[in-house]
Amino acid sequence: MSAGGCGRRLGLATAAALLLAAFSLGCGSGAAKEAAAAPKLPPANPQAVNDMMRGIDAAERPDGAPQAIEHFQAALKADDKLWEARYDLGIVLARTGALEAAERELTLAAELAPNAEDVVLALGEVRRRAGNPEGAAEVLTAFIEKHPDALVARTALVTALRESGKVDEALAQAREVLVRRAGDPNALSELALAYVDREELDVAELLSQEALKAESKSAVAERTAGLVALERGDDAVAFQHFLRATELDPADTTARLNMGTVLLEAGVYDKASEHFRAVLEASPDDVDAAIGLAAALRGLGSREKPEPWNEAEELLKDVLQKQPRNLAATHNLGVLYYDSLKRPEQALPLLQRFVEDAPKGHPRYPEVLKLLQAKKP
């Protein structure tokens, strides 16, 4: 069995940026301006605002997340209606991988500021990252029903619908964006990815080219062009698009993940692992990156140097603790135990679970089934 098994990710073309609210008295952030029509809240407690500003300062430091969380919690203890502090707390919690807690805070922030587009975007993104695109689509749909011209939220809805398997609905929403803002590169990119899901690659390629024409320095458009090239099997072209995407936006974790996947499939395990680690550094809860890194480490290990295998084992066990039925992690850990660590007693139950859960059309299904049949007495 190969050291592969990390799937290519059709990444979010217009992810909600998880950024702190730039709040100040009398001059709110974009989120605060959107919330102007929300139910009237009492004036903010000055001490709460002070604590929140200290939290924002701490969050800007590379190691400042724990202090930021403490400051935001102190702000909310002083004023539990300060929705900007809840929003910021949710963002920082999401950055640390505490998605359940982040969703709770962002849900409360959305109740306090129901017209704040930034808040619903962040809430939708957290739900997506937690593997709940249907929940993301639900909150985004409710928001754009009240705010039909909220084009960033509508474009994020396209992604959530696409990831929920509702491709026709995603196409309709992308077209709505383009009616309101012709030539929007983000909407064109999302439309291209929807056509990739429909396996209409000629249309997808045409749309991705239009996105690049609309904005030649768009990381989103470059990443989409790379994803279309991947689907066509042109890994070299895809890699160049992903590379340009990361140059334009160093925080583009989806482009990095797909670069890692291309290198992994080419057997360049050391370089692949660097990209997967970069994704995990930016987003510690990224399951795809953890599985990709584990696959790369499996290729780097040996009987004489088992440390990469041991790290891969811990990564995959951690994924399965969070997502017990994750097919890629189940397969990779089973193969790691069977081929590398030579522990068939641990491998076979995992591989058996894989054939029970995986569709028969899964590319790994035949080889795993053949192995299990060979092991039957």
Protein backbone atom coordinates (compact mmCIF):
# COMPACT_ATOMS: atom_id res chain seq x y z
CA MET A 1 0.00 0.00 0.00
CA SER A 2 1.20 3.46 -0.79
CA ALA A 3 1.94 6.23 1.65
CA GLY A 4 -0.96 8.18 0.18
CA GLY A 5 -4.50 8.46 1.46
CA CYS A 6 -4.78 12.21 2.08
CA GLY A 7 -7.55 13.52 -0.15
CA ARG A 8 -7.31 16.73 -2.10
CA ARG A 9 -9.41 19.44 -0.56
CA LEU A 10 -11.72 21.61 -2.63
CA GLY A 11 -11.01 24.55 -0.40
CA LEU A 12 -13.19 27.41 0.61
CA ALA A 13 -12.77 30.07 -2.03
CA THR A 14 -14.08 32.86 0.17
CA ALA A 15 -13.52 31.79 3.76
CA ALA A 16 -14.80 34.12 6.43
CA ALA A 17 -11.66 35.85 7.67
CA LEU A 18 -11.25 35.12 11.35
CA LEU A 19 -10.09 38.59 12.36
CA LEU A 20 -10.51 40.56 15.56
CA ALA A 21 -13.12 43.29 15.69
CA ALA A 22 -11.43 46.68 15.45
CA PHE A 23 -13.70 48.19 18.09
CA SER A 24 -13.48 51.71 19.43
CA LEU A 25 -16.00 53.96 21.14
CA GLY A 26 -17.86 56.00 18.53
CA CYS A 27 -16.21 54.29 15.56
CA GLY A 28 -17.00 50.61 15.27
CA SER A 29 -15.60 47.91 13.03
CA GLY A 30 -17.36 46.74 9.88
CA ALA A 31 -19.25 44.36 12.13
CA ALA A 32 -20.28 47.19 14.44
CA LYS A 33 -21.57 49.29 11.55
CA GLU A 34 -23.63 46.39 10.26
CA ALA A 35 -25.10 46.00 13.74
CA ALA A 36 -26.39 49.56 13.88
CA ALA A 37 -29.94 48.43 13.23
CA ALA A 38 -29.81 45.75 15.94
CA PRO A 39 -31.93 46.04 19.10
CA LYS A 40 -30.66 48.92 21.21
CA LEU A 41 -28.14 47.81 23.84
CA PRO A 42 -27.19 49.79 26.94
CA PRO A 43 -23.93 51.79 26.79
CA ALA A 44 -20.84 49.60 27.10
CA ASN A 45 -19.23 49.32 30.53
CA PRO A 46 -15.93 51.31 30.29
CA GLN A 47 -13.99 48.68 32.25
CA ALA A 48 -15.32 45.97 29.93
CA VAL A 49 -14.19 47.95 26.89
CA ASN A 50 -10.75 48.41 28.49
CA ASP A 51 -10.46 44.67 29.11
CA MET A 52 -11.54 43.96 25.54
CA MET A 53 -8.91 46.29 24.10
CA ARG A 54 -6.25 44.57 26.20
CA GLY A 55 -7.51 41.28 24.80
CA ILE A 56 -7.16 42.56 21.24
CA ASP A 57 -3.59 43.67 21.95
CA ALA A 58 -2.75 40.26 23.44
CA ALA A 59 -4.34 38.39 20.53
CA GLU A 60 -2.04 40.14 18.08
CA ARG A 61 0.99 38.52 19.74
CA PRO A 62 2.00 35.06 18.44
CA ASP A 63 1.78 33.54 21.94
CA GLY A 64 -0.93 35.82 23.28
CA ALA A 65 -4.04 33.65 22.89
CA PRO A 66 -4.29 32.54 26.58
CA GLN A 67 -3.99 36.12 27.82
CA ALA A 68 -6.44 37.35 25.18
CA ILE A 69 -9.02 34.79 26.28
CA GLU A 70 -8.64 35.89 29.90
CA HIS A 71 -9.10 39.56 28.99
CA PHE A 72 -12.18 38.88 26.84
CA GLN A 73 -13.72 36.76 29.60
CA ALA A 74 -13.06 39.56 32.09
CA ALA A 75 -14.75 42.01 29.70
CA LEU A 76 -17.82 39.79 29.49
CA LYS A 77 -17.92 39.36 33.25
CA ALA A 78 -18.14 43.14 33.53
CA ASP A 79 -20.62 43.49 30.65
CA ASP A 80 -22.20 40.35 29.21
CA LYS A 81 -23.95 42.40 26.49
CA LEU A 82 -20.66 43.55 24.92
CA TRP A 83 -21.09 41.52 21.75
CA GLU A 84 -17.79 42.66 20.24
CA ALA A 85 -15.96 40.94 23.12
CA ARG A 86 -17.93 37.73 22.52
CA TYR A 87 -17.08 37.93 18.84
CA ASP A 88 -13.38 38.43 19.57
CA LEU A 89 -13.41 35.64 22.16
CA GLY A 90 -15.00 33.30 19.63
CA ILE A 91 -12.35 34.17 17.05
CA VAL A 92 -9.45 33.49 19.42
CA LEU A 93 -11.01 30.24 20.64
CA ALA A 94 -11.39 29.15 17.02
CA ARG A 95 -7.73 29.93 16.36
CA THR A 96 -6.73 27.65 19.23
CA GLY A 97 -8.90 24.83 17.88
CA ALA A 98 -11.61 25.08 20.58
CA LEU A 99 -14.38 25.05 17.99
CA GLU A 100 -17.25 24.04 20.26
CA ALA A 101 -16.53 26.88 22.69
CA ALA A 102 -15.98 29.27 19.77
CA GLU A 103 -19.35 28.37 18.26
CA ARG A 104 -21.05 28.97 21.60
CA GLU A 105 -19.60 32.49 21.94
CA LEU A 106 -20.26 33.41 18.31
CA THR A 107 -23.86 32.18 18.57
CA LEU A 108 -24.39 34.47 21.56
CA ALA A 109 -22.72 37.35 19.70
CA ALA A 110 -25.05 36.79 16.74
CA GLU A 111 -28.08 36.93 19.04
CA LEU A 112 -26.88 40.26 20.45
CA ALA A 113 -25.95 41.69 17.04
CA PRO A 114 -28.23 39.94 14.52
CA ASN A 115 -27.29 42.35 11.69
CA ALA A 116 -23.50 41.97 12.05
CA GLU A 117 -22.21 40.27 8.91
CA ASP A 118 -18.74 39.69 10.41
CA VAL A 119 -20.28 37.66 13.23
CA VAL A 120 -22.40 35.39 11.05
CA LEU A 121 -19.44 34.86 8.70
CA ALA A 122 -17.27 33.76 11.61
CA LEU A 123 -20.01 31.53 13.01
CA GLY A 124 -20.50 29.88 9.62
CA GLU A 125 -16.75 29.36 9.21
CA VAL A 126 -16.44 27.75 12.65
CA ARG A 127 -19.29 25.37 11.83
CA ARG A 128 -17.62 24.48 8.54
CA ARG A 129 -14.33 23.77 10.27
CA ALA A 130 -16.17 21.57 12.77
CA GLY A 131 -17.49 19.46 9.88
CA ASN A 132 -20.98 20.97 9.91
CA PRO A 133 -21.46 22.77 6.57
CA GLU A 134 -25.23 22.26 6.86
CA GLY A 135 -25.23 24.29 10.09
CA ALA A 136 -23.15 26.97 8.38
CA ALA A 137 -25.62 27.11 5.51
CA GLU A 138 -28.49 27.45 7.96
CA VAL A 139 -27.18 30.57 9.70
CA LEU A 140 -25.96 32.16 6.47
CA THR A 141 -29.29 31.53 4.73
CA ALA A 142 -31.19 33.14 7.61
CA PHE A 143 -28.88 36.16 7.44
CA ILE A 144 -29.12 36.81 3.70
CA GLU A 145 -32.90 36.42 3.80
CA LYS A 146 -32.85 39.58 5.93
CA HIS A 147 -29.88 41.15 4.12
CA PRO A 148 -30.07 40.12 0.45
CA ASP A 149 -27.26 42.50 -0.54
CA ALA A 150 -24.77 41.01 1.98
CA LEU A 151 -22.62 39.60 -0.82
CA VAL A 152 -19.77 38.28 1.33
CA ALA A 153 -22.23 36.25 3.39
CA ARG A 154 -23.99 35.06 0.24
CA THR A 155 -20.68 33.93 -1.26
CA ALA A 156 -19.84 32.08 1.96
CA LEU A 157 -23.26 30.44 1.66
CA VAL A 158 -22.27 29.15 -1.79
CA THR A 159 -19.37 27.29 -0.19
CA ALA A 160 -21.46 25.89 2.65
CA LEU A 161 -24.13 24.65 0.23
CA ARG A 162 -21.52 23.12 -2.05
CA GLU A 163 -19.89 21.30 0.85
CA SER A 164 -23.34 20.10 1.97
CA GLY A 165 -23.81 18.45 -1.43
CA LYS A 166 -26.45 21.00 -2.53
CA VAL A 167 -24.65 21.93 -5.72
CA ASP A 168 -27.68 23.27 -7.60
CA GLU A 169 -28.53 25.60 -4.71
CA ALA A 170 -24.89 26.69 -4.58
CA LEU A 171 -24.96 27.53 -8.29
CA ALA A 172 -28.11 29.59 -7.82
CA GLN A 173 -26.60 31.60 -4.96
CA ALA A 174 -23.36 32.22 -6.88
CA ARG A 175 -25.38 33.58 -9.80
CA GLU A 176 -27.25 35.86 -7.39
CA VAL A 177 -23.90 37.34 -6.32
CA LEU A 178 -22.87 37.88 -9.94
CA VAL A 179 -26.19 39.58 -10.74
CA ARG A 180 -25.49 42.09 -7.98
CA ARG A 181 -21.73 42.36 -8.63
CA ALA A 182 -20.76 41.29 -12.14
CA GLY A 183 -17.28 39.86 -12.48
CA ASP A 184 -16.78 39.28 -8.75
CA PRO A 185 -13.68 36.99 -8.62
CA ASN A 186 -14.77 35.27 -5.42
CA ALA A 187 -18.21 34.43 -6.81
CA LEU A 188 -16.70 33.28 -10.11
CA SER A 189 -14.30 31.06 -8.17
CA GLU A 190 -17.10 29.53 -6.12
CA LEU A 191 -19.13 29.01 -9.29
CA ALA A 192 -16.13 27.23 -10.84
CA LEU A 193 -15.82 24.91 -7.83
CA ALA A 194 -19.53 24.11 -8.00
CA TYR A 195 -19.03 23.00 -11.61
CA VAL A 196 -16.05 20.91 -10.49
CA ASP A 197 -18.43 19.15 -8.12
CA ARG A 198 -20.70 18.50 -11.11
CA GLU A 199 -17.67 17.16 -13.02
CA GLU A 200 -18.14 19.80 -15.73
CA LEU A 201 -14.46 20.67 -15.89
CA ASP A 202 -14.53 22.66 -19.14
CA VAL A 203 -17.06 25.08 -17.62
CA ALA A 204 -15.11 25.16 -14.34
CA GLU A 205 -11.88 26.01 -16.15
CA LEU A 206 -13.53 28.78 -18.15
CA LEU A 207 -14.97 30.31 -14.97
CA SER A 208 -11.65 30.07 -13.11
CA GLN A 209 -9.94 31.87 -16.02
CA GLU A 210 -12.60 34.58 -15.84
CA ALA A 211 -11.91 34.92 -12.10
CA LEU A 212 -8.20 35.44 -12.82
CA LYS A 213 -9.01 38.01 -15.50
CA ALA A 214 -11.26 39.85 -13.06
CA GLU A 215 -8.50 40.00 -10.41
CA SER A 216 -5.03 38.95 -11.53
CA LYS A 217 -3.64 39.13 -7.99
CA SER A 218 -6.37 37.15 -6.28
CA ALA A 219 -5.19 34.29 -4.09
CA VAL A 220 -8.73 32.91 -4.23
CA ALA A 221 -8.74 32.82 -8.05
CA GLU A 222 -5.26 31.26 -8.18
CA ARG A 223 -6.27 28.58 -5.71
CA THR A 224 -9.40 27.80 -7.69
CA ALA A 225 -7.39 27.49 -10.91
CA GLY A 226 -5.12 25.07 -9.05
CA LEU A 227 -8.07 22.98 -7.89
CA VAL A 228 -9.44 22.77 -11.43
CA ALA A 229 -6.00 21.70 -12.68
CA LEU A 230 -5.88 19.03 -9.96
CA GLU A 231 -9.18 17.63 -11.13
CA ARG A 232 -7.78 17.47 -14.66
CA GLY A 233 -4.78 15.54 -13.30
CA ASP A 234 -2.26 18.26 -14.14
CA ASP A 235 -0.41 18.36 -10.83
CA ALA A 236 2.47 20.55 -12.08
CA VAL A 237 0.14 23.34 -13.24
CA ALA A 238 -1.90 22.99 -10.05
CA PHE A 239 1.22 23.33 -7.90
CA GLN A 240 2.20 26.58 -9.64
CA HIS A 241 -1.25 28.06 -9.03
CA PHE A 242 -1.12 27.04 -5.35
CA LEU A 243 2.36 28.53 -5.04
CA ARG A 244 1.14 31.86 -6.44
CA ALA A 245 -1.83 31.74 -4.08
CA THR A 246 0.44 31.37 -1.04
CA GLU A 247 2.69 34.18 -2.32
CA LEU A 248 -0.35 36.45 -2.62
CA ASP A 249 -1.80 35.30 0.71
CA PRO A 250 0.69 33.60 3.07
CA ALA A 251 -2.20 32.66 5.36
CA ASP A 252 -3.90 30.61 2.63
CA THR A 253 -3.93 27.24 4.40
CA THR A 254 -6.02 25.46 1.77
CA ALA A 255 -3.49 26.25 -0.96
CA ARG A 256 -0.71 25.03 1.32
CA LEU A 257 -2.61 21.84 2.08
CA ASN A 258 -3.09 21.11 -1.60
CA MET A 259 0.58 21.86 -2.32
CA GLY A 260 1.41 19.31 0.36
CA THR A 261 -0.93 16.79 -1.25
CA VAL A 262 0.69 17.22 -4.68
CA LEU A 263 4.14 16.69 -3.14
CA LEU A 264 2.87 13.73 -1.13
CA GLU A 265 1.57 11.99 -4.22
CA ALA A 266 4.90 12.69 -5.94
CA GLY A 267 6.73 11.00 -3.05
CA VAL A 268 8.46 14.21 -1.89
CA TYR A 269 7.60 13.48 1.72
CA ASP A 270 9.94 15.94 3.46
CA LYS A 271 8.64 18.96 1.51
CA ALA A 272 5.06 17.73 1.83
CA SER A 273 5.43 17.52 5.59
CA GLU A 274 6.64 21.14 5.71
CA HIS A 275 3.43 22.35 4.08
CA PHE A 276 1.19 20.25 6.30
CA ARG A 277 3.01 21.50 9.41
CA ALA A 278 2.57 25.09 8.23
CA VAL A 279 -1.18 24.51 7.95
CA LEU A 280 -1.34 22.99 11.43
CA GLU A 281 0.64 25.87 12.88
CA ALA A 282 -1.97 28.29 11.53
CA SER A 283 -4.97 26.02 12.19
CA PRO A 284 -4.23 23.35 14.84
CA ASP A 285 -7.61 21.64 14.36
CA ASP A 286 -7.22 21.08 10.61
CA VAL A 287 -7.99 17.37 10.23
CA ASP A 288 -6.97 17.19 6.56
CA ALA A 289 -3.54 18.62 7.37
CA ALA A 290 -3.06 16.18 10.27
CA ILE A 291 -3.91 13.22 8.03
CA GLY A 292 -1.65 14.55 5.28
CA LEU A 293 1.23 15.02 7.70
CA ALA A 294 0.73 11.49 9.03
CA ALA A 295 0.87 10.12 5.47
CA ALA A 296 4.08 12.06 4.78
CA LEU A 297 5.63 10.86 8.04
CA ARG A 298 4.78 7.28 7.10
CA GLY A 299 6.84 7.79 3.95
CA LEU A 300 9.73 9.30 5.96
CA GLY A 301 9.93 6.56 8.59
CA SER A 302 11.83 3.31 8.54
CA ARG A 303 12.61 0.36 10.81
CA GLU A 304 15.89 2.10 11.70
CA LYS A 305 14.18 5.47 12.15
CA PRO A 306 10.70 4.81 13.57
CA GLU A 307 10.17 8.25 15.12
CA PRO A 308 8.15 9.58 12.12
CA TRP A 309 5.90 6.51 12.33
CA ASN A 310 5.32 7.10 16.03
CA GLU A 311 4.38 10.73 15.38
CA ALA A 312 2.05 9.64 12.57
CA GLU A 313 0.36 7.18 14.93
CA GLU A 314 -0.32 9.90 17.50
CA LEU A 315 -1.67 12.29 14.86
CA LEU A 316 -4.10 9.71 13.47
CA LYS A 317 -5.23 8.53 16.91
CA ASP A 318 -5.97 12.16 17.80
CA VAL A 319 -8.06 12.60 14.62
CA LEU A 320 -10.02 9.43 15.35
CA GLN A 321 -10.62 10.52 18.90
CA LYS A 322 -12.32 13.64 17.53
CA GLN A 323 -13.89 11.97 14.48
CA PRO A 324 -14.17 8.21 15.14
CA ARG A 325 -15.54 7.40 11.66
CA ASN A 326 -13.12 9.50 9.62
CA LEU A 327 -12.40 7.27 6.60
CA ALA A 328 -9.01 8.71 5.67
CA ALA A 329 -7.69 8.52 9.23
CA THR A 330 -9.07 4.99 9.68
CA HIS A 331 -7.40 3.84 6.48
CA ASN A 332 -4.10 5.57 7.18
CA LEU A 333 -3.80 4.27 10.73
CA GLY A 334 -4.73 0.75 9.62
CA VAL A 335 -2.08 0.82 6.90
CA LEU A 336 0.48 2.32 9.28
CA TYR A 337 -0.09 -0.53 11.74
CA TYR A 338 -0.10 -3.18 9.02
CA ASP A 339 2.69 -2.12 6.65
CA SER A 340 5.02 -0.07 8.80
CA LEU A 341 4.66 -0.94 12.48
CA LYS A 342 3.83 -4.61 11.76
CA ARG A 343 0.95 -4.77 14.23
CA PRO A 344 -1.73 -6.73 12.35
CA GLU A 345 -3.77 -7.24 15.51
CA GLN A 346 -4.32 -3.44 15.64
CA ALA A 347 -4.49 -2.96 11.88
CA LEU A 348 -7.19 -5.47 10.94
CA PRO A 349 -10.06 -4.03 13.06
CA LEU A 350 -9.41 -0.60 11.55
CA LEU A 351 -9.29 -1.94 8.01
CA GLN A 352 -12.47 -3.93 8.64
CA ARG A 353 -14.18 -0.76 9.86
CA PHE A 354 -12.96 1.01 6.73
CA VAL A 355 -14.63 -1.48 4.33
CA GLU A 356 -17.82 -1.33 6.41
CA ASP A 357 -17.98 2.47 6.25
CA ALA A 358 -16.43 3.28 2.86
CA PRO A 359 -18.47 3.31 -0.35
CA LYS A 360 -17.48 0.55 -2.76
CA GLY A 361 -16.32 3.21 -5.20
CA HIS A 362 -13.66 4.49 -2.77
CA PRO A 363 -10.23 4.20 -4.47
CA ARG A 364 -8.77 2.31 -1.47
CA TYR A 365 -11.70 -0.06 -1.07
CA PRO A 366 -10.54 -2.89 -3.42
CA GLU A 367 -7.03 -3.20 -1.98
CA VAL A 368 -8.24 -3.18 1.63
CA LEU A 369 -10.97 -5.73 0.88
CA LYS A 370 -8.43 -7.98 -0.89
CA LEU A 371 -6.08 -7.78 2.10
CA LEU A 372 -8.84 -8.68 4.55
CA GLN A 373 -10.00 -11.61 2.45
CA ALA A 374 -6.43 -12.90 2.28
CA LYS A 375 -6.25 -12.83 6.09
CA LYS A 376 -9.41 -14.85 6.62
CA PRO A 377 -8.72 -18.42 7.82
